[in-house]
Amino acid sequence: MKNKENKDIVKKIEEVLDTVRPYLMMDGGNLDFIKYEDGYAYVKLKGACEHCALSNETIETFVFETLKNEIPEIKGVINDTL
């Protein structure tokens, strides 16, 4: 049952991230979804977002809040860029 739940959450994470990407792309960036584990989504920033001084703020506020609003199981987002 846990594996099915994780697959459903991963699918939903990918759907929500697809709504986030256009905003990042407007600033020359993007992100990749790496994995979902123990309630945390791991993402990797790309392009201009990768080395931006506001990258952690982007992850903590924009990406996390967007995911949390749609997926209550999400405990946080880990920036796996480094």
Protein backbone atom coordinates (compact mmCIF):
# COMPACT_ATOMS: atom_id res chain seq x y z
CA MET A 1 0.00 0.00 0.00
CA LYS A 2 2.83 2.40 0.86
CA ASN A 3 4.42 1.95 -2.57
CA LYS A 4 1.11 2.78 -4.31
CA GLU A 5 0.71 5.88 -2.13
CA ASN A 6 4.25 7.00 -2.98
CA LYS A 7 3.61 6.52 -6.70
CA ASP A 8 0.46 8.63 -6.44
CA ILE A 9 2.33 11.35 -4.55
CA VAL A 10 5.20 11.31 -7.06
CA LYS A 11 2.72 11.70 -9.92
CA LYS A 12 1.05 14.62 -8.16
CA ILE A 13 4.44 16.24 -7.39
CA GLU A 14 5.36 16.05 -11.07
CA GLU A 15 2.01 17.59 -12.04
CA VAL A 16 2.40 20.46 -9.57
CA LEU A 17 6.01 21.10 -10.62
CA ASP A 18 4.79 21.38 -14.21
CA THR A 19 2.78 24.41 -13.07
CA VAL A 20 5.85 25.92 -11.36
CA ARG A 21 8.30 25.50 -14.24
CA PRO A 22 6.93 28.27 -16.51
CA TYR A 23 7.61 30.85 -13.78
CA LEU A 24 11.18 29.66 -13.37
CA MET A 25 11.65 29.59 -17.14
CA MET A 26 10.64 33.25 -17.38
CA ASP A 27 13.82 34.01 -15.41
CA GLY A 28 15.99 31.62 -17.42
CA GLY A 29 15.80 28.73 -15.00
CA ASN A 30 14.08 25.43 -14.46
CA LEU A 31 14.10 22.46 -12.09
CA ASP A 32 14.24 18.69 -12.17
CA PHE A 33 12.37 16.46 -9.78
CA ILE A 34 14.84 13.94 -8.35
CA LYS A 35 12.85 11.83 -5.88
CA TYR A 36 10.28 11.72 -3.11
CA GLU A 37 11.45 10.15 0.14
CA ASP A 38 10.16 10.25 3.72
CA GLY A 39 7.81 13.13 2.97
CA TYR A 40 10.42 15.26 1.20
CA ALA A 41 10.61 16.18 -2.46
CA TYR A 42 14.16 16.48 -3.82
CA VAL A 43 14.65 18.89 -6.68
CA LYS A 44 17.60 20.22 -8.65
CA LEU A 45 17.56 23.78 -9.93
CA LYS A 46 18.87 24.40 -13.43
CA GLY A 47 19.86 27.32 -15.60
CA ALA A 48 19.79 30.78 -14.04
CA CYS A 49 18.11 29.40 -10.91
CA GLU A 50 21.01 27.05 -10.17
CA HIS A 51 23.40 29.78 -8.99
CA CYS A 52 20.91 32.49 -8.10
CA ALA A 53 21.32 34.14 -4.70
CA LEU A 54 17.60 33.63 -4.12
CA SER A 55 17.58 29.90 -4.98
CA ASN A 56 16.93 28.76 -1.40
CA GLU A 57 14.12 31.29 -1.05
CA THR A 58 12.64 30.03 -4.33
CA ILE A 59 12.71 26.48 -2.99
CA GLU A 60 11.44 27.28 0.51
CA THR A 61 8.68 29.67 -0.41
CA PHE A 62 7.56 29.25 -3.99
CA VAL A 63 8.20 25.55 -4.68
CA PHE A 64 7.46 24.21 -1.19
CA GLU A 65 4.35 26.32 -0.63
CA THR A 66 2.96 25.39 -4.04
CA LEU A 67 3.52 21.69 -3.38
CA LYS A 68 2.21 21.87 0.20
CA ASN A 69 -1.00 23.53 -0.95
CA GLU A 70 -1.71 20.63 -3.28
CA ILE A 71 -0.10 17.72 -1.40
CA PRO A 72 -0.50 17.82 2.40
CA GLU A 73 1.92 14.87 2.82
CA ILE A 74 4.86 17.03 1.72
CA LYS A 75 7.03 17.94 4.72
CA GLY A 76 9.57 19.94 2.76
CA VAL A 77 11.58 20.39 -0.41
CA ILE A 78 15.29 19.63 -0.49
CA ASN A 79 17.48 21.58 -2.89
CA ASP A 80 19.68 18.85 -4.36
CA THR A 81 21.50 21.31 -6.61
CA LEU A 82 24.74 21.37 -4.63
